[in-house]
Amino acid sequence: MAAKRSFLLRLSPELWAELKRWADDELRSVNAQIEYVLREALRRRRRSRDDDRAAPADPGPPPEQA
């Protein structure tokens, strides 16, 4: 497994407290919770982009009948 990259992340005390409560609810560390949230966001983004590519082009309004 590749080594994890570390970096400094500055958060407001309010955001930290909210993340801490959420992490505690899900039995995770704050670090693991942040990683989970980021992974989920990326997964949703990929799925959304795939859906956009798979969706047919908008055919426009139906033709009027005479």
N, C-alpha and C. Protein backbone atom coordinates (compact mmCIF):
# COMPACT_ATOMS: atom_id res chain seq x y z
N MET A 1 0.85 -1.18 0.00
CA MET A 1 0.00 0.00 0.00
C MET A 1 0.89 1.24 0.00
N ALA A 2 0.51 2.22 -0.77
CA ALA A 2 1.29 3.46 -0.86
C ALA A 2 1.18 4.24 0.45
N ALA A 3 2.22 4.95 0.76
CA ALA A 3 2.22 5.77 1.97
C ALA A 3 1.18 6.88 1.83
N LYS A 4 0.53 7.21 2.92
CA LYS A 4 -0.45 8.30 2.89
C LYS A 4 0.27 9.63 2.94
N ARG A 5 -0.28 10.58 2.28
CA ARG A 5 0.28 11.93 2.25
C ARG A 5 -0.35 12.73 3.38
N SER A 6 0.45 13.48 4.07
CA SER A 6 -0.09 14.32 5.14
C SER A 6 0.01 15.79 4.74
N PHE A 7 -0.91 16.60 5.26
CA PHE A 7 -0.88 18.04 5.00
C PHE A 7 -1.61 18.76 6.12
N LEU A 8 -1.35 20.03 6.24
CA LEU A 8 -1.97 20.85 7.26
C LEU A 8 -3.33 21.33 6.76
N LEU A 9 -4.33 21.19 7.59
CA LEU A 9 -5.68 21.66 7.26
C LEU A 9 -6.15 22.57 8.39
N ARG A 10 -6.47 23.78 8.05
CA ARG A 10 -6.95 24.73 9.05
C ARG A 10 -8.48 24.77 9.02
N LEU A 11 -9.08 24.54 10.18
CA LEU A 11 -10.53 24.54 10.30
C LEU A 11 -10.95 25.48 11.42
N SER A 12 -12.10 26.07 11.28
CA SER A 12 -12.63 26.90 12.35
C SER A 12 -12.98 25.98 13.53
N PRO A 13 -12.97 26.52 14.73
CA PRO A 13 -13.33 25.71 15.89
C PRO A 13 -14.75 25.13 15.78
N GLU A 14 -15.66 25.89 15.17
CA GLU A 14 -17.04 25.41 15.01
C GLU A 14 -17.09 24.21 14.07
N LEU A 15 -16.37 24.29 12.95
CA LEU A 15 -16.36 23.18 12.00
C LEU A 15 -15.69 21.96 12.64
N TRP A 16 -14.61 22.17 13.36
CA TRP A 16 -13.93 21.07 14.04
C TRP A 16 -14.88 20.37 15.01
N ALA A 17 -15.61 21.16 15.79
CA ALA A 17 -16.52 20.58 16.78
C ALA A 17 -17.61 19.76 16.10
N GLU A 18 -18.14 20.28 15.00
CA GLU A 18 -19.18 19.56 14.25
C GLU A 18 -18.63 18.25 13.67
N LEU A 19 -17.45 18.31 13.08
CA LEU A 19 -16.81 17.10 12.55
C LEU A 19 -16.52 16.10 13.66
N LYS A 20 -16.11 16.59 14.81
CA LYS A 20 -15.80 15.72 15.95
C LYS A 20 -17.06 14.99 16.41
N ARG A 21 -18.19 15.71 16.52
CA ARG A 21 -19.45 15.08 16.92
C ARG A 21 -19.87 14.01 15.90
N TRP A 22 -19.75 14.35 14.61
CA TRP A 22 -20.12 13.43 13.55
C TRP A 22 -19.22 12.20 13.60
N ALA A 23 -17.93 12.40 13.74
CA ALA A 23 -16.98 11.29 13.81
C ALA A 23 -17.28 10.41 15.02
N ASP A 24 -17.55 11.01 16.16
CA ASP A 24 -17.88 10.25 17.36
C ASP A 24 -19.13 9.40 17.15
N ASP A 25 -20.14 9.98 16.48
CA ASP A 25 -21.38 9.25 16.20
C ASP A 25 -21.11 8.00 15.35
N GLU A 26 -20.13 8.07 14.47
CA GLU A 26 -19.84 6.97 13.56
C GLU A 26 -18.61 6.16 13.98
N LEU A 27 -18.15 6.41 15.22
CA LEU A 27 -17.01 5.68 15.79
C LEU A 27 -15.76 5.78 14.93
N ARG A 28 -15.49 6.99 14.45
CA ARG A 28 -14.29 7.26 13.66
C ARG A 28 -13.51 8.39 14.33
N SER A 29 -12.23 8.48 13.96
CA SER A 29 -11.45 9.66 14.34
C SER A 29 -11.87 10.80 13.42
N VAL A 30 -11.55 12.01 13.78
CA VAL A 30 -11.86 13.15 12.91
C VAL A 30 -11.13 12.99 11.59
N ASN A 31 -9.89 12.55 11.63
CA ASN A 31 -9.13 12.34 10.40
C ASN A 31 -9.83 11.31 9.49
N ALA A 32 -10.24 10.20 10.07
CA ALA A 32 -10.93 9.17 9.28
C ALA A 32 -12.26 9.69 8.75
N GLN A 33 -12.95 10.52 9.53
CA GLN A 33 -14.22 11.08 9.07
C GLN A 33 -14.01 12.01 7.89
N ILE A 34 -13.01 12.85 7.96
CA ILE A 34 -12.71 13.76 6.85
C ILE A 34 -12.37 12.95 5.60
N GLU A 35 -11.57 11.91 5.75
CA GLU A 35 -11.21 11.07 4.61
C GLU A 35 -12.46 10.39 4.04
N TYR A 36 -13.34 9.92 4.91
CA TYR A 36 -14.59 9.29 4.47
C TYR A 36 -15.44 10.27 3.66
N VAL A 37 -15.60 11.48 4.19
CA VAL A 37 -16.42 12.50 3.52
C VAL A 37 -15.83 12.83 2.14
N LEU A 38 -14.52 12.96 2.07
CA LEU A 38 -13.88 13.27 0.78
C LEU A 38 -14.05 12.13 -0.21
N ARG A 39 -13.88 10.90 0.25
CA ARG A 39 -14.07 9.74 -0.65
C ARG A 39 -15.50 9.67 -1.17
N GLU A 40 -16.47 9.90 -0.29
CA GLU A 40 -17.88 9.88 -0.71
C GLU A 40 -18.17 10.98 -1.73
N ALA A 41 -17.63 12.16 -1.49
CA ALA A 41 -17.83 13.27 -2.43
C ALA A 41 -17.25 12.93 -3.80
N LEU A 42 -16.07 12.34 -3.81
CA LEU A 42 -15.46 11.95 -5.09
C LEU A 42 -16.25 10.85 -5.78
N ARG A 43 -16.76 9.89 -4.99
CA ARG A 43 -17.57 8.81 -5.57
C ARG A 43 -18.83 9.38 -6.21
N ARG A 44 -19.49 10.29 -5.52
CA ARG A 44 -20.71 10.91 -6.08
C ARG A 44 -20.40 11.73 -7.32
N ARG A 45 -19.29 12.43 -7.30
CA ARG A 45 -18.90 13.24 -8.45
C ARG A 45 -18.65 12.35 -9.66
N ARG A 46 -17.93 11.25 -9.45
CA ARG A 46 -17.67 10.33 -10.56
C ARG A 46 -18.97 9.77 -11.12
N ARG A 47 -19.88 9.37 -10.22
CA ARG A 47 -21.14 8.80 -10.66
C ARG A 47 -21.95 9.85 -11.43
N SER A 48 -21.94 11.07 -10.94
CA SER A 48 -22.67 12.15 -11.60
C SER A 48 -22.10 12.41 -12.99
N ARG A 49 -20.79 12.41 -13.11
CA ARG A 49 -20.17 12.64 -14.41
C ARG A 49 -20.47 11.48 -15.36
N ASP A 50 -20.47 10.25 -14.83
CA ASP A 50 -20.79 9.09 -15.66
C ASP A 50 -22.24 9.16 -16.13
N ASP A 51 -23.14 9.59 -15.23
CA ASP A 51 -24.55 9.73 -15.61
C ASP A 51 -24.72 10.79 -16.68
N ASP A 52 -23.97 11.88 -16.57
CA ASP A 52 -24.05 12.95 -17.57
C ASP A 52 -23.60 12.45 -18.94
N ARG A 53 -22.58 11.63 -18.96
CA ARG A 53 -22.08 11.10 -20.23
C ARG A 53 -23.04 10.07 -20.83
N ALA A 54 -23.70 9.30 -19.98
CA ALA A 54 -24.58 8.24 -20.45
C ALA A 54 -25.96 8.75 -20.86
N ALA A 55 -26.35 9.91 -20.36
CA ALA A 55 -27.68 10.44 -20.65
C ALA A 55 -27.76 10.87 -22.11
N PRO A 56 -28.83 10.52 -22.78
CA PRO A 56 -28.99 10.96 -24.17
C PRO A 56 -29.18 12.47 -24.24
N ALA A 57 -28.82 13.02 -25.35
CA ALA A 57 -29.00 14.47 -25.54
C ALA A 57 -30.48 14.80 -25.51
N ASP A 58 -30.82 15.98 -25.04
CA ASP A 58 -32.21 16.42 -24.97
C ASP A 58 -32.74 16.57 -26.38
N PRO A 59 -33.77 15.78 -26.74
CA PRO A 59 -34.30 15.86 -28.10
C PRO A 59 -35.11 17.11 -28.37
N GLY A 60 -35.40 17.89 -27.34
CA GLY A 60 -36.20 19.09 -27.53
C GLY A 60 -37.67 18.79 -27.39
N PRO A 61 -38.51 19.79 -27.65
CA PRO A 61 -39.96 19.57 -27.49
C PRO A 61 -40.48 18.66 -28.60
N PRO A 62 -41.57 17.95 -28.31
CA PRO A 62 -42.13 17.07 -29.36
C PRO A 62 -42.66 17.90 -30.51
N PRO A 63 -42.65 17.36 -31.70
CA PRO A 63 -43.16 18.11 -32.85
C PRO A 63 -44.66 18.36 -32.71
N GLU A 64 -45.07 19.50 -33.22
CA GLU A 64 -46.51 19.83 -33.15
C GLU A 64 -47.26 19.01 -34.18
N GLN A 65 -48.46 18.62 -33.78
CA GLN A 65 -49.29 17.86 -34.71
C GLN A 65 -50.28 18.79 -35.40
N ALA A 66 -50.46 18.57 -36.68
CA ALA A 66 -51.33 19.44 -37.45
C ALA A 66 -52.75 19.01 -37.42
